[in-house]
Amino acid sequence: MLRIRLNKQELERLKVAAQTRQVSMSELIRDYIKRMPKPQENSE
């Protein structure tokens, strides 16, 4: 589990985006993380 601190504007943006997509704020964040590039593995 991860806890993050958001200011009022960031929290409002997250709430609106989640409501627009009809998902929870947690699900929205997880979906974003899934779309991030995977870390490069060392090729030694």
N, C-alpha and C. Protein backbone atom coordinates (compact mmCIF):
# COMPACT_ATOMS: atom_id res chain seq x y z
N MET A 1 0.85 -1.17 0.00
CA MET A 1 0.00 0.00 0.00
C MET A 1 0.89 1.23 0.00
N LEU A 2 0.42 2.29 -0.65
CA LEU A 2 1.15 3.54 -0.75
C LEU A 2 0.22 4.68 -0.37
N ARG A 3 0.69 5.56 0.45
CA ARG A 3 -0.08 6.76 0.79
C ARG A 3 0.62 7.96 0.18
N ILE A 4 -0.14 8.82 -0.44
CA ILE A 4 0.44 10.02 -1.04
C ILE A 4 -0.30 11.25 -0.53
N ARG A 5 0.38 12.37 -0.60
CA ARG A 5 -0.23 13.63 -0.21
C ARG A 5 -0.50 14.45 -1.47
N LEU A 6 -1.72 14.93 -1.60
CA LEU A 6 -2.11 15.77 -2.72
C LEU A 6 -2.64 17.09 -2.17
N ASN A 7 -2.39 18.17 -2.90
CA ASN A 7 -3.01 19.42 -2.48
C ASN A 7 -4.46 19.41 -2.96
N LYS A 8 -5.23 20.41 -2.59
CA LYS A 8 -6.66 20.43 -2.91
C LYS A 8 -6.92 20.38 -4.41
N GLN A 9 -6.12 21.10 -5.18
CA GLN A 9 -6.32 21.12 -6.64
C GLN A 9 -6.00 19.76 -7.26
N GLU A 10 -4.94 19.12 -6.80
CA GLU A 10 -4.58 17.80 -7.33
C GLU A 10 -5.65 16.77 -6.99
N LEU A 11 -6.15 16.82 -5.77
CA LEU A 11 -7.20 15.89 -5.35
C LEU A 11 -8.47 16.10 -6.16
N GLU A 12 -8.82 17.34 -6.40
CA GLU A 12 -10.02 17.63 -7.19
C GLU A 12 -9.87 17.13 -8.62
N ARG A 13 -8.69 17.33 -9.21
CA ARG A 13 -8.45 16.83 -10.57
C ARG A 13 -8.56 15.31 -10.61
N LEU A 14 -8.02 14.64 -9.62
CA LEU A 14 -8.09 13.18 -9.56
C LEU A 14 -9.54 12.72 -9.41
N LYS A 15 -10.29 13.37 -8.53
CA LYS A 15 -11.70 13.01 -8.32
C LYS A 15 -12.50 13.17 -9.61
N VAL A 16 -12.34 14.29 -10.28
CA VAL A 16 -13.09 14.56 -11.51
C VAL A 16 -12.73 13.55 -12.59
N ALA A 17 -11.44 13.26 -12.74
CA ALA A 17 -11.00 12.30 -13.75
C ALA A 17 -11.58 10.91 -13.45
N ALA A 18 -11.58 10.52 -12.20
CA ALA A 18 -12.12 9.21 -11.82
C ALA A 18 -13.63 9.16 -12.06
N GLN A 19 -14.33 10.21 -11.69
CA GLN A 19 -15.77 10.26 -11.91
C GLN A 19 -16.11 10.22 -13.39
N THR A 20 -15.34 10.95 -14.19
CA THR A 20 -15.56 10.99 -15.64
C THR A 20 -15.42 9.60 -16.24
N ARG A 21 -14.44 8.84 -15.76
CA ARG A 21 -14.19 7.49 -16.28
C ARG A 21 -14.99 6.42 -15.54
N GLN A 22 -15.72 6.84 -14.52
CA GLN A 22 -16.54 5.94 -13.70
C GLN A 22 -15.71 4.82 -13.07
N VAL A 23 -14.56 5.22 -12.50
CA VAL A 23 -13.70 4.29 -11.77
C VAL A 23 -13.30 4.96 -10.46
N SER A 24 -12.73 4.19 -9.56
CA SER A 24 -12.25 4.77 -8.31
C SER A 24 -10.95 5.54 -8.56
N MET A 25 -10.60 6.39 -7.64
CA MET A 25 -9.34 7.12 -7.76
C MET A 25 -8.17 6.15 -7.75
N SER A 26 -8.25 5.10 -6.93
CA SER A 26 -7.19 4.10 -6.89
C SER A 26 -7.04 3.39 -8.23
N GLU A 27 -8.15 3.04 -8.83
CA GLU A 27 -8.11 2.35 -10.12
C GLU A 27 -7.52 3.25 -11.20
N LEU A 28 -7.84 4.51 -11.16
CA LEU A 28 -7.29 5.46 -12.12
C LEU A 28 -5.77 5.53 -11.99
N ILE A 29 -5.28 5.59 -10.78
CA ILE A 29 -3.84 5.64 -10.54
C ILE A 29 -3.18 4.33 -10.99
N ARG A 30 -3.79 3.19 -10.68
CA ARG A 30 -3.23 1.90 -11.09
C ARG A 30 -3.17 1.80 -12.62
N ASP A 31 -4.22 2.26 -13.30
CA ASP A 31 -4.23 2.23 -14.76
C ASP A 31 -3.11 3.09 -15.33
N TYR A 32 -2.88 4.25 -14.74
CA TYR A 32 -1.81 5.11 -15.20
C TYR A 32 -0.45 4.42 -15.02
N ILE A 33 -0.24 3.80 -13.89
CA ILE A 33 1.03 3.12 -13.62
C ILE A 33 1.24 1.98 -14.61
N LYS A 34 0.18 1.26 -14.94
CA LYS A 34 0.30 0.16 -15.91
C LYS A 34 0.76 0.65 -17.28
N ARG A 35 0.43 1.89 -17.63
CA ARG A 35 0.80 2.44 -18.93
C ARG A 35 2.21 3.04 -18.95
N MET A 36 2.84 3.13 -17.80
CA MET A 36 4.19 3.68 -17.73
C MET A 36 5.17 2.69 -18.36
N PRO A 37 6.26 3.20 -18.96
CA PRO A 37 7.26 2.28 -19.51
C PRO A 37 7.86 1.41 -18.42
N LYS A 38 8.15 0.18 -18.78
CA LYS A 38 8.78 -0.73 -17.82
C LYS A 38 10.23 -0.32 -17.64
N PRO A 39 10.78 -0.47 -16.44
CA PRO A 39 12.18 -0.13 -16.21
C PRO A 39 13.11 -0.99 -17.07
N GLN A 40 14.19 -0.40 -17.51
CA GLN A 40 15.19 -1.13 -18.28
C GLN A 40 15.98 -2.06 -17.35
N GLU A 41 16.20 -3.27 -17.80
CA GLU A 41 17.02 -4.20 -17.04
C GLU A 41 18.48 -4.01 -17.45
N ASN A 42 19.38 -4.19 -16.50
CA ASN A 42 20.80 -4.10 -16.83
C ASN A 42 21.17 -5.25 -17.74
N SER A 43 21.85 -4.94 -18.81
CA SER A 43 22.23 -5.99 -19.77
C SER A 43 23.73 -6.27 -19.67
N GLU A 44 24.17 -6.64 -18.48
CA GLU A 44 25.60 -6.94 -18.25
C GLU A 44 25.88 -8.39 -18.44
